[in-house]
Protein backbone atom coordinates (compact mmCIF):
# COMPACT_ATOMS: atom_id res chain seq x y z
CA MET A 1 -4.07 56.36 56.65
CA SER A 2 -1.43 55.26 54.16
CA ALA A 3 0.15 52.84 56.66
CA LEU A 4 -3.24 51.34 57.45
CA PHE A 5 -3.99 50.98 53.76
CA ASP A 6 -0.61 49.41 52.94
CA ASN A 7 -0.34 47.13 55.97
CA PHE A 8 -3.91 45.97 56.41
CA LEU A 9 -6.39 46.74 53.65
CA ILE A 10 -4.36 45.62 50.62
CA PRO A 11 -3.31 42.25 52.14
CA MET A 12 -6.88 41.71 53.35
CA ALA A 13 -8.32 42.42 49.88
CA VAL A 14 -5.74 40.16 48.22
CA GLY A 15 -6.44 37.38 50.72
CA LEU A 16 -10.19 37.60 50.15
CA ALA A 17 -9.71 37.58 46.37
CA VAL A 18 -7.47 34.49 46.54
CA THR A 19 -9.92 32.71 48.83
CA PHE A 20 -12.83 33.55 46.53
CA LEU A 21 -10.98 32.34 43.41
CA GLY A 22 -9.94 29.14 45.19
CA ALA A 23 -13.53 28.44 46.20
CA VAL A 24 -14.81 29.06 42.67
CA ILE A 25 -12.15 26.84 41.09
CA GLY A 26 -12.75 24.09 43.66
CA ARG A 27 -16.49 24.21 43.06
CA LEU A 28 -16.04 23.99 39.27
CA CYS A 29 -13.63 21.06 39.54
CA ARG A 30 -15.94 19.20 41.92
CA ARG A 31 -18.89 19.66 39.58
CA ARG A 32 -16.88 18.51 36.59
CA TRP A 33 -15.61 15.33 38.30
CA THR A 34 -19.01 14.33 39.66
CA ALA A 35 -20.57 14.81 36.22
CA LEU A 36 -17.93 12.53 34.67
CA ALA A 37 -18.25 9.75 37.25
CA PRO A 38 -20.33 6.83 35.95
CA ALA A 39 -23.30 5.65 37.95
CA ARG A 40 -22.61 2.62 40.11
CA VAL A 41 -24.90 -0.24 39.20
CA LEU A 42 -25.40 -3.33 41.33
CA ARG A 43 -24.74 -6.38 39.15
CA ARG A 44 -25.03 -10.07 39.88
CA PHE A 45 -22.22 -12.26 38.56
CA SER A 46 -22.21 -16.04 38.05
CA LEU A 47 -18.86 -17.44 39.15
CA LEU A 48 -17.85 -19.74 36.30
CA GLY A 49 -16.13 -22.94 37.38
CA THR A 50 -17.96 -23.10 40.71
CA THR A 51 -21.07 -24.98 41.74
CA GLY A 52 -23.18 -24.79 44.84
CA ALA A 53 -24.92 -27.63 46.67
CA ASP A 54 -27.83 -27.33 44.23
CA GLY A 55 -25.55 -27.83 41.19
CA PHE A 56 -25.86 -24.25 39.89
CA PHE A 57 -23.22 -21.52 39.68
CA LEU A 58 -22.38 -19.56 42.80
CA HIS A 59 -23.27 -15.86 42.54
CA HIS A 60 -21.58 -12.66 43.67
CA GLU A 61 -23.23 -9.22 43.75
CA THR A 62 -21.09 -6.09 43.47
CA THR A 63 -20.98 -2.55 42.11
CA ARG A 64 -17.44 -2.93 40.76
CA ALA A 65 -16.88 -2.23 37.07
CA PRO A 66 -16.33 -4.97 34.48
CA GLY A 67 -12.63 -5.77 34.19
CA SER A 68 -12.14 -5.66 37.96
CA VAL A 69 -10.59 -8.61 39.75
CA VAL A 70 -12.20 -9.83 42.96
CA THR A 71 -10.87 -12.40 45.42
CA LEU A 72 -13.45 -14.63 47.06
CA ARG A 73 -12.89 -17.10 49.88
CA PHE A 74 -14.40 -20.57 49.79
CA GLY A 75 -13.72 -22.32 53.08
CA ASP A 76 -9.94 -22.42 53.51
CA SER A 77 -9.06 -21.44 49.94
CA SER A 78 -9.46 -18.26 47.95
CA GLN A 79 -9.96 -17.78 44.24
CA ARG A 80 -9.69 -14.72 42.00
CA PHE A 81 -12.32 -13.87 39.38
CA GLU A 82 -12.36 -11.25 36.64
CA LEU A 83 -15.72 -9.55 36.26
CA THR A 84 -16.94 -9.28 32.67
CA ASP A 85 -19.78 -7.48 30.94
CA ALA A 86 -20.85 -10.66 29.10
CA PRO A 87 -24.50 -11.39 29.96
CA LEU A 88 -25.58 -14.96 30.57
CA GLY A 89 -28.99 -16.45 29.82
CA ASP A 90 -30.19 -16.23 33.43
CA GLY A 91 -29.77 -12.44 33.58
CA THR A 92 -26.44 -12.47 35.39
CA TYR A 93 -23.00 -11.56 34.09
CA ALA A 94 -20.02 -13.92 33.79
CA ALA A 95 -17.13 -13.82 36.26
CA GLU A 96 -14.21 -15.81 34.85
CA PRO A 97 -11.82 -17.63 37.19
CA LEU A 98 -8.19 -16.48 37.09
CA ASP A 99 -6.77 -19.03 39.53
CA HIS A 100 -7.24 -22.74 39.02
CA LEU A 101 -6.62 -24.66 42.23
């Protein structure tokens, strides 16, 4: 009985305890990180320095956070814009050009 206890039952109990603690810690960490993550909001940005065929700003919709840099392609060229949290009068947010071609 002692050999069975030493060779099987103790390692099994320790293994189950470690697995249980790992699952509890993983669950707590996952809950904490999801609670801290901000909600992703779809925003519409006016691309400053660009105009469409109608003479108004081109627009870009994204869920990226303000301060992010996006690269958009216009025909054969591409241009980078920094997304801001500055609202414009038409209900969109400003996206400032970083590259001037």
